[in-house]
Amino acid sequence: MKVFNRIVSLVFILAVPLFCVLSVTRLLVLAPSTYEQALIQGQAELVTGISLEQLTAVNSQIRDYLLGFTNAPLWINVVTTEGVSLSIFNEREVAHMVDVRNLMQFFWKIHNGLFVLILSSLTISFITFRNDPLRKIAVDVRLASLTGIGLFVILATLIFTGFDSAFHKFHELMFTNDLWILNEANDRLLQMYPIDFWYWVTFRLAVATTFVIALMFGLSQLYLKIRKSESDGRPESIVRWLS
């Protein structure tokens, strides 16, 4: 039984940081402000020659596409400032977005699976540690937070000391073709989502995830300190620990 409990704890400790990363990623994909920032950073209206209103509508369709709300390929017609009607994305860009959508759907399945896994681990802890399940969970959450912080520091160092290289390596690992290699001079997908935007969104992902993990560590540590004081015969209140 001890071996089983250790395996459950290990799975929980490894699952929680990844779940946090994917949760923040999903929220960023969901948030309209993410797409607004892309258009601002790339000066997309000026570069593409397409009105901001149309670009915002295109972004809404991209958002729904990535989240799985629609399956229709991104053949989207727009009208340029010169009055020319055309498809905003070419065949290569549309094909790449199919790959991106498939990758996102894979990530969402992992995210959902991790949620079930974490919930199952918590349930097992309540069943097997009936005397004090919350303390067991707090210990695992603290370890998961420390693991996440450690891994995140290493990854953040690698990414932000050579972002362009890390960006290319990520695409080489995630995609089995070279459709992601686009030309900023001609391909509107890259004009709408320039490299500076991806640096911004990666930084935002790192900050938000670190905040969530640090918050979990702080709350679990606070709970364990309070419980330790109670077990030592010195009951303490949360107010005292916060002061």
Protein backbone atom coordinates (compact mmCIF):
# COMPACT_ATOMS: atom_id res chain seq x y z
CA MET A 1 0.00 0.00 0.00
CA LYS A 2 2.89 2.36 0.75
CA VAL A 3 4.29 1.85 -2.75
CA PHE A 4 0.89 2.58 -4.27
CA ASN A 5 0.52 5.77 -2.22
CA ARG A 6 3.97 6.92 -3.26
CA ILE A 7 3.14 6.35 -6.92
CA VAL A 8 -0.10 8.32 -6.52
CA SER A 9 1.84 11.17 -4.86
CA LEU A 10 4.48 11.15 -7.60
CA VAL A 11 1.84 11.28 -10.32
CA PHE A 12 0.14 14.18 -8.53
CA ILE A 13 3.41 16.07 -8.03
CA LEU A 14 4.30 15.80 -11.73
CA ALA A 15 0.77 16.40 -13.02
CA VAL A 16 0.05 19.63 -11.14
CA PRO A 17 2.77 21.84 -12.73
CA LEU A 18 1.88 20.67 -16.24
CA PHE A 19 -1.80 21.21 -15.51
CA CYS A 20 -1.04 24.78 -14.41
CA VAL A 21 0.90 25.50 -17.61
CA LEU A 22 -1.86 24.13 -19.82
CA SER A 23 -4.54 25.95 -17.81
CA VAL A 24 -2.83 29.29 -18.33
CA THR A 25 -2.22 28.42 -22.00
CA ARG A 26 -5.90 27.67 -22.48
CA LEU A 27 -6.89 30.94 -20.82
CA LEU A 28 -4.50 32.86 -23.07
CA VAL A 29 -5.98 31.23 -26.16
CA LEU A 30 -9.45 32.04 -24.84
CA ALA A 31 -8.75 35.69 -23.91
CA PRO A 32 -9.60 38.31 -26.59
CA SER A 33 -6.83 40.53 -25.17
CA THR A 34 -4.23 38.04 -26.43
CA TYR A 35 -5.31 38.59 -30.03
CA GLU A 36 -5.63 42.34 -29.55
CA GLN A 37 -2.04 42.43 -28.35
CA ALA A 38 -0.89 40.55 -31.45
CA LEU A 39 -2.46 43.14 -33.74
CA ILE A 40 -0.99 46.00 -31.73
CA GLN A 41 2.54 44.62 -31.56
CA GLY A 42 2.72 43.78 -35.24
CA GLN A 43 0.93 46.95 -36.40
CA ALA A 44 -1.12 44.48 -38.39
CA GLU A 45 -3.56 46.98 -39.89
CA LEU A 46 -0.73 48.98 -41.44
CA VAL A 47 1.36 45.96 -42.51
CA THR A 48 -1.44 43.85 -43.99
CA GLY A 49 -3.47 46.66 -45.54
CA ILE A 50 -6.61 45.22 -43.93
CA SER A 51 -8.86 47.13 -41.56
CA LEU A 52 -8.62 46.53 -37.84
CA GLU A 53 -12.29 45.57 -37.75
CA GLN A 54 -11.72 42.76 -40.26
CA LEU A 55 -8.54 41.59 -38.54
CA THR A 56 -10.38 41.41 -35.22
CA ALA A 57 -13.08 39.28 -36.86
CA VAL A 58 -10.40 37.02 -38.34
CA ASN A 59 -8.84 36.62 -34.90
CA SER A 60 -12.21 35.62 -33.47
CA GLN A 61 -12.46 32.86 -36.06
CA ILE A 62 -8.90 31.74 -35.30
CA ARG A 63 -9.73 31.64 -31.59
CA ASP A 64 -12.84 29.50 -32.16
CA TYR A 65 -10.85 27.27 -34.49
CA LEU A 66 -8.07 26.62 -31.98
CA LEU A 67 -10.52 26.00 -29.15
CA GLY A 68 -12.41 23.45 -31.25
CA PHE A 69 -15.62 25.46 -31.57
CA THR A 70 -15.46 25.12 -35.36
CA ASN A 71 -13.79 22.69 -37.76
CA ALA A 72 -13.96 24.76 -40.94
CA PRO A 73 -10.51 25.54 -42.45
CA LEU A 74 -9.47 29.17 -42.22
CA TRP A 75 -10.37 30.26 -45.74
CA ILE A 76 -11.45 33.76 -44.73
CA ASN A 77 -12.21 36.46 -47.29
CA VAL A 78 -11.36 40.08 -46.54
CA VAL A 79 -11.24 43.33 -48.47
CA THR A 80 -8.00 45.33 -48.50
CA THR A 81 -7.81 49.10 -48.13
CA GLU A 82 -7.41 49.19 -51.92
CA GLY A 83 -10.76 47.47 -52.34
CA VAL A 84 -9.38 44.08 -53.40
CA SER A 85 -11.28 41.01 -52.14
CA LEU A 86 -9.05 38.05 -51.31
CA SER A 87 -8.42 35.19 -48.88
CA ILE A 88 -6.40 36.55 -45.99
CA PHE A 89 -4.37 33.32 -45.72
CA ASN A 90 -2.71 31.38 -48.51
CA GLU A 91 -2.76 27.59 -48.89
CA ARG A 92 0.43 27.09 -46.87
CA GLU A 93 -0.87 29.18 -43.97
CA VAL A 94 -4.23 27.39 -43.91
CA ALA A 95 -2.46 24.01 -43.92
CA HIS A 96 -0.20 25.12 -41.08
CA MET A 97 -3.18 26.24 -39.03
CA VAL A 98 -4.66 22.75 -39.42
CA ASP A 99 -1.48 21.44 -37.79
CA VAL A 100 -1.69 24.09 -35.07
CA ARG A 101 -5.30 23.22 -34.36
CA ASN A 102 -4.48 19.49 -34.13
CA LEU A 103 -1.66 20.30 -31.71
CA MET A 104 -3.94 22.48 -29.59
CA GLN A 105 -6.62 19.80 -29.49
CA PHE A 106 -3.97 17.34 -28.33
CA PHE A 107 -2.94 19.76 -25.57
CA TRP A 108 -6.56 20.21 -24.50
CA LYS A 109 -6.99 16.43 -24.25
CA ILE A 110 -3.89 16.23 -22.06
CA HIS A 111 -5.24 19.12 -19.98
CA ASN A 112 -8.57 17.36 -19.45
CA GLY A 113 -6.81 14.08 -18.67
CA LEU A 114 -4.58 15.76 -16.09
CA PHE A 115 -7.66 17.24 -14.42
CA VAL A 116 -9.16 13.76 -14.06
CA LEU A 117 -5.81 12.41 -12.85
CA ILE A 118 -5.41 15.12 -10.21
CA LEU A 119 -9.00 14.71 -9.05
CA SER A 120 -8.48 10.95 -8.77
CA SER A 121 -5.29 11.46 -6.76
CA LEU A 122 -7.11 13.76 -4.36
CA THR A 123 -9.92 11.24 -3.97
CA ILE A 124 -7.43 8.47 -3.22
CA SER A 125 -5.75 10.66 -0.61
CA PHE A 126 -9.08 11.25 1.15
CA ILE A 127 -9.75 7.51 1.14
CA THR A 128 -6.33 6.21 2.20
CA PHE A 129 -5.44 9.00 4.65
CA ARG A 130 -8.74 9.31 6.47
CA ASN A 131 -7.16 10.59 9.68
CA ASP A 132 -5.55 13.63 8.08
CA PRO A 133 -6.06 13.80 4.29
CA LEU A 134 -5.66 17.58 4.08
CA ARG A 135 -2.15 17.45 5.52
CA LYS A 136 -1.18 14.77 2.99
CA ILE A 137 -2.61 16.86 0.16
CA ALA A 138 -0.84 19.99 1.43
CA VAL A 139 2.50 18.15 1.48
CA ASP A 140 1.97 16.92 -2.08
CA VAL A 141 0.90 20.38 -3.27
CA ARG A 142 4.01 21.91 -1.73
CA LEU A 143 6.24 19.34 -3.42
CA ALA A 144 4.40 19.82 -6.71
CA SER A 145 4.90 23.58 -6.43
CA LEU A 146 8.61 23.25 -5.72
CA THR A 147 8.97 20.84 -8.63
CA GLY A 148 7.12 23.23 -10.90
CA ILE A 149 9.18 26.23 -9.82
CA GLY A 150 12.43 24.33 -10.32
CA LEU A 151 11.52 23.08 -13.79
CA PHE A 152 10.11 26.45 -14.77
CA VAL A 153 13.28 28.31 -13.77
CA ILE A 154 15.35 25.96 -15.92
CA LEU A 155 13.02 26.26 -18.93
CA ALA A 156 12.65 30.03 -18.55
CA THR A 157 16.43 30.43 -18.49
CA LEU A 158 16.79 28.36 -21.66
CA ILE A 159 13.98 30.22 -23.43
CA PHE A 160 14.71 33.82 -22.52
CA THR A 161 18.48 33.57 -23.07
CA GLY A 162 17.89 32.43 -26.63
CA PHE A 163 14.25 32.90 -27.50
CA ASP A 164 14.57 32.70 -31.29
CA SER A 165 16.45 29.42 -31.06
CA ALA A 166 13.97 27.98 -28.54
CA PHE A 167 11.06 29.14 -30.72
CA HIS A 168 12.43 27.33 -33.75
CA LYS A 169 13.29 24.22 -31.75
CA PHE A 170 9.75 24.08 -30.37
CA HIS A 171 8.30 24.11 -33.89
CA GLU A 172 10.73 21.47 -35.08
CA LEU A 173 9.70 19.20 -32.20
CA MET A 174 5.95 19.84 -32.43
CA PHE A 175 5.46 19.70 -36.20
CA THR A 176 6.44 17.00 -38.71
CA ASN A 177 6.68 19.40 -41.67
CA ASP A 178 8.06 22.83 -42.51
CA LEU A 179 4.74 24.60 -43.08
CA TRP A 180 5.48 26.73 -40.02
CA ILE A 181 8.36 28.43 -41.87
CA LEU A 182 6.65 31.53 -43.23
CA ASN A 183 7.75 34.73 -44.95
CA GLU A 184 6.96 37.89 -43.02
CA ALA A 185 6.98 39.92 -46.23
CA ASN A 186 4.14 37.93 -47.80
CA ASP A 187 2.40 35.71 -45.26
CA ARG A 188 -0.27 37.55 -43.30
CA LEU A 189 -0.36 34.95 -40.53
CA LEU A 190 3.16 35.98 -39.54
CA GLN A 191 2.30 39.64 -40.03
CA MET A 192 -0.62 39.25 -37.62
CA TYR A 193 1.42 37.21 -35.12
CA PRO A 194 5.04 38.45 -35.31
CA ILE A 195 7.93 37.01 -33.30
CA ASP A 196 7.73 39.89 -30.79
CA PHE A 197 4.18 38.85 -29.96
CA TRP A 198 5.30 35.28 -29.23
CA TYR A 199 7.98 36.61 -26.89
CA TRP A 200 5.30 38.66 -25.12
CA VAL A 201 2.85 35.76 -24.83
CA THR A 202 5.59 33.40 -23.61
CA PHE A 203 6.58 35.91 -20.95
CA ARG A 204 2.96 36.32 -19.91
CA LEU A 205 2.56 32.54 -19.74
CA ALA A 206 5.67 32.26 -17.58
CA VAL A 207 4.62 35.02 -15.17
CA ALA A 208 1.03 33.78 -14.78
CA THR A 209 2.06 30.16 -14.27
CA THR A 210 4.75 31.11 -11.79
CA PHE A 211 2.21 33.19 -9.85
CA VAL A 212 -0.26 30.28 -9.67
CA ILE A 213 2.42 27.80 -8.58
CA ALA A 214 3.87 30.25 -6.03
CA LEU A 215 0.37 30.85 -4.65
CA MET A 216 -0.17 27.10 -4.23
CA PHE A 217 3.17 26.80 -2.46
CA GLY A 218 2.36 29.68 -0.12
CA LEU A 219 -1.08 28.35 0.80
CA SER A 220 0.16 24.79 1.35
CA GLN A 221 3.09 26.04 3.43
CA LEU A 222 0.77 28.24 5.48
CA TYR A 223 -1.59 25.33 6.14
CA LEU A 224 1.26 23.02 7.19
CA LYS A 225 2.68 25.63 9.58
CA ILE A 226 -0.71 26.09 11.19
CA ARG A 227 -1.17 22.33 11.54
CA LYS A 228 2.30 21.97 13.04
CA SER A 229 1.53 24.63 15.62
CA GLU A 230 -1.70 22.84 16.50
CA SER A 231 0.08 19.48 16.86
CA ASP A 232 2.67 21.11 19.13
CA GLY A 233 -0.12 22.35 21.36
CA ARG A 234 0.22 25.93 20.16
CA PRO A 235 -2.89 26.67 18.13
CA GLU A 236 -2.35 29.50 15.72
CA SER A 237 -4.76 31.39 13.55
CA ILE A 238 -4.36 32.20 9.88
CA VAL A 239 -4.43 35.88 10.80
CA ARG A 240 -1.29 35.43 12.92
CA TRP A 241 0.59 33.71 10.12
CA LEU A 242 -0.40 36.40 7.66
CA SER A 243 0.68 39.20 9.96
